[in-house]
Amino acid sequence: MGNEVGASEDLRYPIGKWEIPSGELTAAQRSAFIDQIAETPARLRQAVENLTEERLTTPYRPGGWTVRQVVHHVPDSHLNSYIRFKLALTEDEPTIKTYHEELWAELPDSSGTPVAVSLSLLESLHHRWVVLLRSIRGADWSRKLKHPEVGTITLDQLLSLYGWHGRHHVAHVTCLRQRMGWD
């Protein structure tokens, strides 16, 4: 992102937008993405460490979610991804259900629940998810699912998305902390 953060687009995508990989990932790429997913809970916990209630209610960008909403969004999204992996591994090209993440972020469990609850949920979820991811072999990475908005995607592509997704939201918080001088 560089040293300057001016445009809202930069604040929205502090590590850049996800780019869908074309073709099959290498074993090394898969391992790196799985490691990123495994690290997300600790990185998110560290990103919000010692933030006051006031700071948790600060939007990470103008018009964006609060830090609290970002923290609650990550397990919401990753729960969906975990289920999507399981569906793709056990069904032939399942069509997945989308959800309105912006509306989920407004529900009481995202606006009023302490972030510690979602951080604990994320840790447990990622433990199970990483066990599943590390068990996937060979051709199973090419298994597909149908996303109503994105189209047909492989588990390789989904893996790369969620390696990016955790880092993306951690960066929302860490970049805000830097801009606000909260470190």
N, C-alpha and C. Protein backbone atom coordinates (compact mmCIF):
# COMPACT_ATOMS: atom_id res chain seq x y z
N MET A 1 0.82 -1.18 0.00
CA MET A 1 0.00 0.00 0.00
C MET A 1 0.86 1.24 0.00
N GLY A 2 2.07 1.18 0.41
CA GLY A 2 2.90 2.38 0.45
C GLY A 2 2.67 3.15 1.73
N ASN A 3 3.27 4.31 1.81
CA ASN A 3 3.17 5.12 3.03
C ASN A 3 1.95 6.02 3.05
N GLU A 4 1.41 6.34 1.89
CA GLU A 4 0.27 7.25 1.91
C GLU A 4 -1.03 6.48 1.74
N VAL A 5 -2.00 6.91 2.48
CA VAL A 5 -3.33 6.32 2.39
C VAL A 5 -4.28 7.48 2.20
N GLY A 6 -4.68 7.71 0.97
CA GLY A 6 -5.55 8.83 0.70
C GLY A 6 -6.94 8.39 0.30
N ALA A 7 -7.01 7.66 -0.76
CA ALA A 7 -8.30 7.28 -1.32
C ALA A 7 -8.96 6.20 -0.48
N SER A 8 -10.28 6.25 -0.45
CA SER A 8 -11.05 5.24 0.28
C SER A 8 -10.73 3.84 -0.24
N GLU A 9 -10.46 3.71 -1.54
CA GLU A 9 -10.14 2.42 -2.12
C GLU A 9 -8.90 1.82 -1.46
N ASP A 10 -7.89 2.66 -1.18
CA ASP A 10 -6.68 2.17 -0.50
C ASP A 10 -7.02 1.68 0.90
N LEU A 11 -7.89 2.38 1.59
CA LEU A 11 -8.28 1.98 2.94
C LEU A 11 -9.12 0.71 2.91
N ARG A 12 -9.89 0.54 1.85
CA ARG A 12 -10.74 -0.63 1.74
C ARG A 12 -9.93 -1.88 1.41
N TYR A 13 -8.86 -1.72 0.63
CA TYR A 13 -8.04 -2.86 0.21
C TYR A 13 -6.58 -2.62 0.56
N PRO A 14 -6.25 -2.62 1.85
CA PRO A 14 -4.89 -2.27 2.26
C PRO A 14 -3.80 -3.23 1.77
N ILE A 15 -4.16 -4.45 1.42
CA ILE A 15 -3.16 -5.38 0.88
C ILE A 15 -3.44 -5.66 -0.60
N GLY A 16 -4.33 -4.87 -1.20
CA GLY A 16 -4.73 -5.08 -2.58
C GLY A 16 -5.93 -5.99 -2.67
N LYS A 17 -6.57 -5.98 -3.84
CA LYS A 17 -7.73 -6.84 -4.07
C LYS A 17 -7.27 -8.27 -4.33
N TRP A 18 -8.14 -9.21 -3.97
CA TRP A 18 -7.87 -10.62 -4.24
C TRP A 18 -7.89 -10.83 -5.75
N GLU A 19 -6.94 -11.59 -6.22
CA GLU A 19 -6.89 -11.96 -7.63
C GLU A 19 -7.06 -13.46 -7.73
N ILE A 20 -8.06 -13.87 -8.50
CA ILE A 20 -8.35 -15.29 -8.63
C ILE A 20 -7.23 -15.96 -9.42
N PRO A 21 -6.64 -17.00 -8.86
CA PRO A 21 -5.56 -17.69 -9.58
C PRO A 21 -6.12 -18.48 -10.75
N SER A 22 -5.38 -18.46 -11.83
CA SER A 22 -5.79 -19.30 -12.96
C SER A 22 -4.98 -20.58 -12.87
N GLY A 23 -5.65 -21.66 -12.99
CA GLY A 23 -4.97 -22.95 -12.94
C GLY A 23 -4.77 -23.46 -11.53
N GLU A 24 -4.09 -24.58 -11.48
CA GLU A 24 -3.86 -25.29 -10.23
C GLU A 24 -2.72 -24.64 -9.44
N LEU A 25 -2.88 -24.60 -8.13
CA LEU A 25 -1.82 -24.10 -7.27
C LEU A 25 -0.75 -25.16 -7.09
N THR A 26 0.46 -24.73 -6.78
CA THR A 26 1.53 -25.67 -6.45
C THR A 26 1.35 -26.10 -4.99
N ALA A 27 2.02 -27.16 -4.61
CA ALA A 27 1.98 -27.60 -3.21
C ALA A 27 2.51 -26.51 -2.29
N ALA A 28 3.54 -25.80 -2.72
CA ALA A 28 4.11 -24.72 -1.90
C ALA A 28 3.11 -23.56 -1.74
N GLN A 29 2.40 -23.22 -2.80
CA GLN A 29 1.39 -22.15 -2.71
C GLN A 29 0.27 -22.57 -1.76
N ARG A 30 -0.18 -23.81 -1.89
CA ARG A 30 -1.24 -24.29 -0.99
C ARG A 30 -0.78 -24.23 0.46
N SER A 31 0.41 -24.70 0.70
CA SER A 31 0.95 -24.69 2.06
C SER A 31 1.01 -23.26 2.61
N ALA A 32 1.43 -22.32 1.78
CA ALA A 32 1.52 -20.92 2.22
C ALA A 32 0.13 -20.37 2.55
N PHE A 33 -0.86 -20.67 1.72
CA PHE A 33 -2.22 -20.19 1.99
C PHE A 33 -2.78 -20.84 3.26
N ILE A 34 -2.53 -22.12 3.45
CA ILE A 34 -3.00 -22.80 4.66
C ILE A 34 -2.33 -22.18 5.88
N ASP A 35 -1.05 -21.89 5.78
CA ASP A 35 -0.35 -21.23 6.89
C ASP A 35 -0.97 -19.87 7.20
N GLN A 36 -1.33 -19.12 6.16
CA GLN A 36 -1.97 -17.81 6.37
C GLN A 36 -3.30 -17.98 7.10
N ILE A 37 -4.06 -18.97 6.70
CA ILE A 37 -5.34 -19.23 7.37
C ILE A 37 -5.08 -19.64 8.83
N ALA A 38 -4.09 -20.49 9.05
CA ALA A 38 -3.77 -20.93 10.41
C ALA A 38 -3.36 -19.75 11.30
N GLU A 39 -2.69 -18.77 10.73
CA GLU A 39 -2.19 -17.62 11.49
C GLU A 39 -3.24 -16.55 11.75
N THR A 40 -4.33 -16.56 11.02
CA THR A 40 -5.32 -15.48 11.11
C THR A 40 -5.84 -15.25 12.52
N PRO A 41 -6.25 -16.27 13.27
CA PRO A 41 -6.79 -15.97 14.60
C PRO A 41 -5.80 -15.23 15.50
N ALA A 42 -4.55 -15.65 15.53
CA ALA A 42 -3.56 -14.99 16.39
C ALA A 42 -3.27 -13.57 15.89
N ARG A 43 -3.21 -13.41 14.59
CA ARG A 43 -2.94 -12.07 14.03
C ARG A 43 -4.10 -11.11 14.31
N LEU A 44 -5.33 -11.61 14.21
CA LEU A 44 -6.48 -10.75 14.50
C LEU A 44 -6.53 -10.41 15.98
N ARG A 45 -6.27 -11.40 16.83
CA ARG A 45 -6.24 -11.14 18.27
C ARG A 45 -5.19 -10.09 18.61
N GLN A 46 -4.02 -10.22 18.02
CA GLN A 46 -2.95 -9.25 18.26
C GLN A 46 -3.35 -7.86 17.73
N ALA A 47 -4.03 -7.82 16.60
CA ALA A 47 -4.42 -6.54 16.00
C ALA A 47 -5.36 -5.74 16.90
N VAL A 48 -6.22 -6.43 17.66
CA VAL A 48 -7.19 -5.72 18.50
C VAL A 48 -6.77 -5.68 19.97
N GLU A 49 -5.60 -6.22 20.27
CA GLU A 49 -5.13 -6.26 21.64
C GLU A 49 -5.10 -4.86 22.26
N ASN A 50 -5.66 -4.77 23.45
CA ASN A 50 -5.67 -3.54 24.25
C ASN A 50 -6.47 -2.39 23.64
N LEU A 51 -7.35 -2.67 22.70
CA LEU A 51 -8.20 -1.60 22.17
C LEU A 51 -9.36 -1.35 23.13
N THR A 52 -9.62 -0.09 23.40
CA THR A 52 -10.73 0.29 24.27
C THR A 52 -12.05 0.11 23.54
N GLU A 53 -13.13 0.17 24.29
CA GLU A 53 -14.46 0.10 23.68
C GLU A 53 -14.64 1.20 22.64
N GLU A 54 -14.15 2.38 22.94
CA GLU A 54 -14.27 3.51 22.00
C GLU A 54 -13.54 3.18 20.69
N ARG A 55 -12.37 2.62 20.80
CA ARG A 55 -11.60 2.29 19.60
C ARG A 55 -12.23 1.14 18.83
N LEU A 56 -12.86 0.20 19.52
CA LEU A 56 -13.55 -0.89 18.84
C LEU A 56 -14.76 -0.40 18.04
N THR A 57 -15.28 0.77 18.41
CA THR A 57 -16.43 1.33 17.69
C THR A 57 -16.00 2.31 16.60
N THR A 58 -14.71 2.40 16.34
CA THR A 58 -14.18 3.28 15.30
C THR A 58 -14.22 2.56 13.95
N PRO A 59 -14.78 3.20 12.92
CA PRO A 59 -14.74 2.59 11.58
C PRO A 59 -13.30 2.53 11.07
N TYR A 60 -12.98 1.45 10.38
CA TYR A 60 -11.61 1.31 9.86
C TYR A 60 -11.36 2.25 8.68
N ARG A 61 -12.43 2.78 8.09
CA ARG A 61 -12.36 3.78 7.02
C ARG A 61 -13.67 4.55 7.04
N PRO A 62 -13.69 5.75 6.47
CA PRO A 62 -14.96 6.49 6.40
C PRO A 62 -16.04 5.66 5.69
N GLY A 63 -17.17 5.51 6.36
CA GLY A 63 -18.27 4.73 5.80
C GLY A 63 -18.09 3.23 5.92
N GLY A 64 -17.03 2.80 6.57
CA GLY A 64 -16.76 1.37 6.69
C GLY A 64 -17.24 0.80 8.01
N TRP A 65 -17.02 -0.49 8.18
CA TRP A 65 -17.38 -1.16 9.41
C TRP A 65 -16.51 -0.68 10.56
N THR A 66 -17.04 -0.85 11.76
CA THR A 66 -16.23 -0.60 12.95
C THR A 66 -15.26 -1.76 13.13
N VAL A 67 -14.26 -1.54 13.95
CA VAL A 67 -13.31 -2.62 14.25
C VAL A 67 -14.09 -3.82 14.81
N ARG A 68 -15.04 -3.57 15.69
CA ARG A 68 -15.85 -4.67 16.25
C ARG A 68 -16.54 -5.46 15.14
N GLN A 69 -17.15 -4.76 14.20
CA GLN A 69 -17.84 -5.45 13.10
C GLN A 69 -16.87 -6.25 12.24
N VAL A 70 -15.69 -5.72 12.01
CA VAL A 70 -14.67 -6.46 11.25
C VAL A 70 -14.33 -7.75 11.97
N VAL A 71 -14.09 -7.65 13.27
CA VAL A 71 -13.72 -8.85 14.05
C VAL A 71 -14.84 -9.89 14.00
N HIS A 72 -16.08 -9.47 14.12
CA HIS A 72 -17.19 -10.43 14.07
C HIS A 72 -17.43 -10.97 12.66
N HIS A 73 -17.12 -10.16 11.65
CA HIS A 73 -17.29 -10.61 10.26
C HIS A 73 -16.37 -11.78 9.91
N VAL A 74 -15.15 -11.76 10.41
CA VAL A 74 -14.18 -12.78 10.00
C VAL A 74 -14.69 -14.20 10.33
N PRO A 75 -15.12 -14.51 11.56
CA PRO A 75 -15.64 -15.87 11.76
C PRO A 75 -16.94 -16.13 11.00
N ASP A 76 -17.78 -15.10 10.81
CA ASP A 76 -18.99 -15.31 9.99
C ASP A 76 -18.58 -15.80 8.60
N SER A 77 -17.66 -15.11 7.99
CA SER A 77 -17.21 -15.46 6.65
C SER A 77 -16.48 -16.80 6.63
N HIS A 78 -15.62 -17.01 7.60
CA HIS A 78 -14.81 -18.23 7.60
C HIS A 78 -15.63 -19.47 7.95
N LEU A 79 -16.69 -19.30 8.75
CA LEU A 79 -17.61 -20.42 8.97
C LEU A 79 -18.25 -20.83 7.65
N ASN A 80 -18.66 -19.84 6.88
CA ASN A 80 -19.25 -20.13 5.57
C ASN A 80 -18.24 -20.84 4.67
N SER A 81 -17.00 -20.38 4.68
CA SER A 81 -15.98 -21.00 3.84
C SER A 81 -15.70 -22.44 4.27
N TYR A 82 -15.60 -22.66 5.56
CA TYR A 82 -15.37 -24.01 6.08
C TYR A 82 -16.46 -24.95 5.58
N ILE A 83 -17.70 -24.53 5.66
CA ILE A 83 -18.83 -25.34 5.19
C ILE A 83 -18.73 -25.54 3.67
N ARG A 84 -18.33 -24.50 2.95
CA ARG A 84 -18.20 -24.62 1.50
C ARG A 84 -17.15 -25.66 1.12
N PHE A 85 -16.04 -25.67 1.84
CA PHE A 85 -15.02 -26.70 1.59
C PHE A 85 -15.61 -28.09 1.82
N LYS A 86 -16.33 -28.26 2.91
CA LYS A 86 -16.89 -29.57 3.23
C LYS A 86 -17.92 -29.99 2.18
N LEU A 87 -18.73 -29.04 1.72
CA LEU A 87 -19.71 -29.35 0.67
C LEU A 87 -19.00 -29.79 -0.61
N ALA A 88 -17.98 -29.03 -1.00
CA ALA A 88 -17.27 -29.36 -2.25
C ALA A 88 -16.54 -30.70 -2.16
N LEU A 89 -16.12 -31.06 -0.97
CA LEU A 89 -15.42 -32.34 -0.79
C LEU A 89 -16.37 -33.53 -0.74
N THR A 90 -17.64 -33.28 -0.49
CA THR A 90 -18.58 -34.39 -0.31
C THR A 90 -19.72 -34.42 -1.32
N GLU A 91 -19.79 -33.40 -2.18
CA GLU A 91 -20.85 -33.33 -3.20
C GLU A 91 -20.21 -32.96 -4.53
N ASP A 92 -20.92 -33.27 -5.62
CA ASP A 92 -20.43 -32.90 -6.95
C ASP A 92 -20.91 -31.50 -7.31
N GLU A 93 -19.97 -30.58 -7.38
CA GLU A 93 -20.22 -29.18 -7.74
C GLU A 93 -21.47 -28.59 -7.05
N PRO A 94 -21.47 -28.56 -5.73
CA PRO A 94 -22.63 -27.99 -5.05
C PRO A 94 -22.76 -26.49 -5.33
N THR A 95 -23.99 -26.03 -5.34
CA THR A 95 -24.25 -24.59 -5.43
C THR A 95 -24.33 -24.09 -4.00
N ILE A 96 -23.48 -23.14 -3.68
CA ILE A 96 -23.45 -22.63 -2.31
C ILE A 96 -24.42 -21.47 -2.16
N LYS A 97 -24.76 -21.20 -0.93
CA LYS A 97 -25.63 -20.08 -0.61
C LYS A 97 -24.76 -18.88 -0.27
N THR A 98 -25.14 -17.74 -0.80
CA THR A 98 -24.47 -16.50 -0.42
C THR A 98 -25.20 -15.91 0.78
N TYR A 99 -24.64 -14.84 1.33
CA TYR A 99 -25.29 -14.15 2.44
C TYR A 99 -24.96 -12.68 2.34
N HIS A 100 -25.77 -11.86 2.97
CA HIS A 100 -25.60 -10.41 2.93
C HIS A 100 -24.72 -9.98 4.11
N GLU A 101 -23.40 -10.03 3.88
CA GLU A 101 -22.47 -9.76 4.98
C GLU A 101 -22.69 -8.37 5.58
N GLU A 102 -23.08 -7.41 4.76
CA GLU A 102 -23.31 -6.06 5.29
C GLU A 102 -24.51 -6.04 6.25
N LEU A 103 -25.51 -6.88 6.02
CA LEU A 103 -26.65 -6.97 6.93
C LEU A 103 -26.28 -7.80 8.16
N TRP A 104 -25.49 -8.83 7.98
CA TRP A 104 -25.03 -9.62 9.13
C TRP A 104 -24.25 -8.73 10.09
N ALA A 105 -23.48 -7.80 9.56
CA ALA A 105 -22.66 -6.91 10.39
C ALA A 105 -23.50 -5.98 11.25
N GLU A 106 -24.77 -5.81 10.90
CA GLU A 106 -25.67 -4.94 11.65
C GLU A 106 -26.47 -5.69 12.72
N LEU A 107 -26.44 -7.02 12.68
CA LEU A 107 -27.21 -7.79 13.66
C LEU A 107 -26.61 -7.64 15.06
N PRO A 108 -27.43 -7.82 16.11
CA PRO A 108 -26.95 -7.61 17.48
C PRO A 108 -25.72 -8.43 17.88
N ASP A 109 -25.56 -9.63 17.31
CA ASP A 109 -24.38 -10.41 17.69
C ASP A 109 -23.09 -9.82 17.12
N SER A 110 -23.21 -8.94 16.13
CA SER A 110 -22.03 -8.27 15.57
C SER A 110 -21.84 -6.88 16.16
N SER A 111 -22.89 -6.29 16.63
CA SER A 111 -22.77 -4.92 17.13
C SER A 111 -22.61 -4.84 18.65
N GLY A 112 -23.03 -5.89 19.37
CA GLY A 112 -23.01 -5.79 20.82
C GLY A 112 -22.21 -6.85 21.56
N THR A 113 -21.74 -7.86 20.85
CA THR A 113 -21.02 -8.95 21.51
C THR A 113 -19.55 -8.57 21.68
N PRO A 114 -18.96 -8.89 22.82
CA PRO A 114 -17.52 -8.62 22.98
C PRO A 114 -16.70 -9.34 21.90
N VAL A 115 -15.64 -8.69 21.42
CA VAL A 115 -14.82 -9.29 20.37
C VAL A 115 -14.16 -10.58 20.83
N ALA A 116 -13.95 -10.75 22.12
CA ALA A 116 -13.32 -11.96 22.63
C ALA A 116 -14.11 -13.21 22.24
N VAL A 117 -15.42 -13.09 22.14
CA VAL A 117 -16.27 -14.22 21.76
C VAL A 117 -15.93 -14.67 20.34
N SER A 118 -15.85 -13.72 19.42
CA SER A 118 -15.53 -14.07 18.03
C SER A 118 -14.08 -14.51 17.86
N LEU A 119 -13.19 -13.95 18.67
CA LEU A 119 -11.79 -14.38 18.60
C LEU A 119 -11.66 -15.84 19.04
N SER A 120 -12.38 -16.23 20.08
CA SER A 120 -12.36 -17.63 20.53
C SER A 120 -13.00 -18.55 19.49
N LEU A 121 -14.12 -18.11 18.93
CA LEU A 121 -14.79 -18.88 17.89
C LEU A 121 -13.84 -19.07 16.70
N LEU A 122 -13.15 -18.02 16.30
CA LEU A 122 -12.23 -18.08 15.17
C LEU A 122 -11.10 -19.07 15.44
N GLU A 123 -10.57 -19.06 16.65
CA GLU A 123 -9.49 -20.00 16.99
C GLU A 123 -9.96 -21.45 16.87
N SER A 124 -11.12 -21.75 17.42
CA SER A 124 -11.64 -23.13 17.34
C SER A 124 -11.97 -23.51 15.90
N LEU A 125 -12.61 -22.61 15.19
CA LEU A 125 -12.96 -22.87 13.80
C LEU A 125 -11.71 -23.13 12.96
N HIS A 126 -10.72 -22.28 13.10
CA HIS A 126 -9.51 -22.43 12.30
C HIS A 126 -8.75 -23.70 12.65
N HIS A 127 -8.82 -24.12 13.89
CA HIS A 127 -8.18 -25.39 14.25
C HIS A 127 -8.77 -26.52 13.41
N ARG A 128 -10.09 -26.61 13.39
CA ARG A 128 -10.76 -27.66 12.60
C ARG A 128 -10.52 -27.47 11.11
N TRP A 129 -10.62 -26.22 10.64
CA TRP A 129 -10.49 -25.93 9.21
C TRP A 129 -9.10 -26.29 8.71
N VAL A 130 -8.08 -25.95 9.47
CA VAL A 130 -6.71 -26.25 9.05
C VAL A 130 -6.46 -27.76 9.04
N VAL A 131 -7.02 -28.49 9.98
CA VAL A 131 -6.92 -29.96 9.94
C VAL A 131 -7.53 -30.47 8.63
N LEU A 132 -8.70 -29.95 8.28
CA LEU A 132 -9.35 -30.36 7.03
C LEU A 132 -8.48 -29.98 5.83
N LEU A 133 -8.01 -28.74 5.79
CA LEU A 133 -7.23 -28.28 4.64
C LEU A 133 -5.96 -29.11 4.46
N ARG A 134 -5.30 -29.43 5.54
CA ARG A 134 -4.05 -30.19 5.45
C ARG A 134 -4.29 -31.66 5.06
N SER A 135 -5.54 -32.09 5.13
CA SER A 135 -5.85 -33.48 4.75
C SER A 135 -6.22 -33.61 3.27
N ILE A 136 -6.46 -32.50 2.58
CA ILE A 136 -6.87 -32.55 1.18
C ILE A 136 -5.67 -32.94 0.32
N ARG A 137 -5.89 -33.86 -0.59
CA ARG A 137 -4.81 -34.37 -1.44
C ARG A 137 -5.15 -34.22 -2.92
N GLY A 138 -4.10 -34.05 -3.70
CA GLY A 138 -4.14 -34.14 -5.16
C GLY A 138 -5.34 -33.53 -5.85
N ALA A 139 -6.04 -34.39 -6.57
CA ALA A 139 -7.15 -33.96 -7.43
C ALA A 139 -8.30 -33.32 -6.66
N ASP A 140 -8.38 -33.58 -5.35
CA ASP A 140 -9.47 -32.97 -4.58
C ASP A 140 -9.39 -31.45 -4.58
N TRP A 141 -8.19 -30.89 -4.77
CA TRP A 141 -8.05 -29.43 -4.85
C TRP A 141 -8.74 -28.87 -6.09
N SER A 142 -9.00 -29.73 -7.08
CA SER A 142 -9.67 -29.29 -8.30
C SER A 142 -11.18 -29.42 -8.21
N ARG A 143 -11.66 -29.96 -7.09
CA ARG A 143 -13.12 -30.07 -6.92
C ARG A 143 -13.72 -28.67 -6.99
N LYS A 144 -14.95 -28.60 -7.46
CA LYS A 144 -15.57 -27.31 -7.74
C LYS A 144 -16.84 -27.11 -6.95
N LEU A 145 -17.16 -25.83 -6.81
CA LEU A 145 -18.47 -25.44 -6.29
C LEU A 145 -18.96 -24.28 -7.12
N LYS A 146 -20.27 -24.09 -7.10
CA LYS A 146 -20.87 -23.01 -7.87
C LYS A 146 -21.27 -21.89 -6.92
N HIS A 147 -20.68 -20.74 -7.17
CA HIS A 147 -21.01 -19.55 -6.39
C HIS A 147 -21.95 -18.71 -7.25
N PRO A 148 -23.15 -18.40 -6.76
CA PRO A 148 -24.14 -17.68 -7.57
C PRO A 148 -23.66 -16.35 -8.13
N GLU A 149 -22.70 -15.71 -7.47
CA GLU A 149 -22.22 -14.40 -7.94
C GLU A 149 -20.90 -14.48 -8.68
N VAL A 150 -20.05 -15.44 -8.32
CA VAL A 150 -18.70 -15.54 -8.87
C VAL A 150 -18.64 -16.54 -10.02
N GLY A 151 -19.46 -17.56 -9.96
CA GLY A 151 -19.40 -18.63 -10.95
C GLY A 151 -18.78 -19.88 -10.35
N THR A 152 -18.31 -20.78 -11.18
CA THR A 152 -17.71 -22.02 -10.71
C THR A 152 -16.27 -21.76 -10.29
N ILE A 153 -15.92 -22.20 -9.09
CA ILE A 153 -14.56 -22.03 -8.59
C ILE A 153 -14.07 -23.34 -7.99
N THR A 154 -12.76 -23.51 -8.00
CA THR A 154 -12.14 -24.71 -7.44
C THR A 154 -11.77 -24.48 -5.98
N LEU A 155 -11.48 -25.56 -5.30
CA LEU A 155 -11.01 -25.43 -3.92
C LEU A 155 -9.66 -24.72 -3.87
N ASP A 156 -8.81 -24.90 -4.88
CA ASP A 156 -7.58 -24.12 -4.95
C ASP A 156 -7.88 -22.62 -4.93
N GLN A 157 -8.83 -22.20 -5.73
CA GLN A 157 -9.18 -20.79 -5.80
C GLN A 157 -9.79 -20.30 -4.50
N LEU A 158 -10.63 -21.13 -3.90
CA LEU A 158 -11.25 -20.77 -2.63
C LEU A 158 -10.18 -20.65 -1.53
N LEU A 159 -9.21 -21.56 -1.56
CA LEU A 159 -8.12 -21.50 -0.59
C LEU A 159 -7.36 -20.18 -0.72
N SER A 160 -7.06 -19.77 -1.94
CA SER A 160 -6.32 -18.52 -2.12
C SER A 160 -7.14 -17.33 -1.65
N LEU A 161 -8.44 -17.37 -1.88
CA LEU A 161 -9.32 -16.29 -1.42
C LEU A 161 -9.25 -16.14 0.09
N TYR A 162 -9.31 -17.24 0.82
CA TYR A 162 -9.34 -17.14 2.28
C TYR A 162 -7.97 -16.94 2.90
N GLY A 163 -6.90 -17.31 2.18
CA GLY A 163 -5.57 -16.90 2.62
C GLY A 163 -5.48 -15.37 2.58
N TRP A 164 -6.02 -14.79 1.52
CA TRP A 164 -6.06 -13.33 1.37
C TRP A 164 -7.04 -12.70 2.38
N HIS A 165 -8.20 -13.28 2.55
CA HIS A 165 -9.29 -12.67 3.32
C HIS A 165 -8.89 -12.35 4.76
N GLY A 166 -8.27 -13.29 5.42
CA GLY A 166 -7.85 -13.04 6.80
C GLY A 166 -6.83 -11.91 6.88
N ARG A 167 -5.84 -11.94 6.00
CA ARG A 167 -4.82 -10.88 5.99
C ARG A 167 -5.44 -9.52 5.67
N HIS A 168 -6.40 -9.51 4.77
CA HIS A 168 -7.14 -8.31 4.36
C HIS A 168 -7.79 -7.63 5.56
N HIS A 169 -8.51 -8.41 6.37
CA HIS A 169 -9.22 -7.82 7.50
C HIS A 169 -8.30 -7.50 8.67
N VAL A 170 -7.27 -8.28 8.88
CA VAL A 170 -6.27 -7.92 9.90
C VAL A 170 -5.65 -6.58 9.52
N ALA A 171 -5.36 -6.39 8.24
CA ALA A 171 -4.76 -5.12 7.78
C ALA A 171 -5.71 -3.95 7.98
N HIS A 172 -7.02 -4.18 7.89
CA HIS A 172 -7.96 -3.08 8.19
C HIS A 172 -7.68 -2.53 9.58
N VAL A 173 -7.50 -3.42 10.53
CA VAL A 173 -7.30 -3.01 11.92
C VAL A 173 -5.90 -2.45 12.13
N THR A 174 -4.90 -3.15 11.63
CA THR A 174 -3.52 -2.69 11.87
C THR A 174 -3.23 -1.37 11.17
N CYS A 175 -3.78 -1.17 9.99
CA CYS A 175 -3.58 0.12 9.29
C CYS A 175 -4.30 1.25 10.03
N LEU A 176 -5.49 0.96 10.55
CA LEU A 176 -6.21 1.97 11.35
C LEU A 176 -5.38 2.33 12.58
N ARG A 177 -4.86 1.33 13.25
CA ARG A 177 -4.03 1.58 14.45
C ARG A 177 -2.85 2.48 14.09
N GLN A 178 -2.22 2.22 12.97
CA GLN A 178 -1.08 3.04 12.56
C GLN A 178 -1.51 4.47 12.25
N ARG A 179 -2.58 4.62 11.48
CA ARG A 179 -3.06 5.96 11.11
C ARG A 179 -3.45 6.77 12.33
N MET A 180 -4.05 6.09 13.32
CA MET A 180 -4.54 6.78 14.51
C MET A 180 -3.47 6.91 15.61
N GLY A 181 -2.32 6.31 15.40
CA GLY A 181 -1.27 6.36 16.41
C GLY A 181 -1.61 5.57 17.66
N TRP A 182 -2.33 4.46 17.50
CA TRP A 182 -2.76 3.65 18.65
C TRP A 182 -1.71 2.63 19.08
N ASP A 183 -0.60 2.56 18.39
CA ASP A 183 0.41 1.56 18.75
C ASP A 183 1.37 2.05 19.79
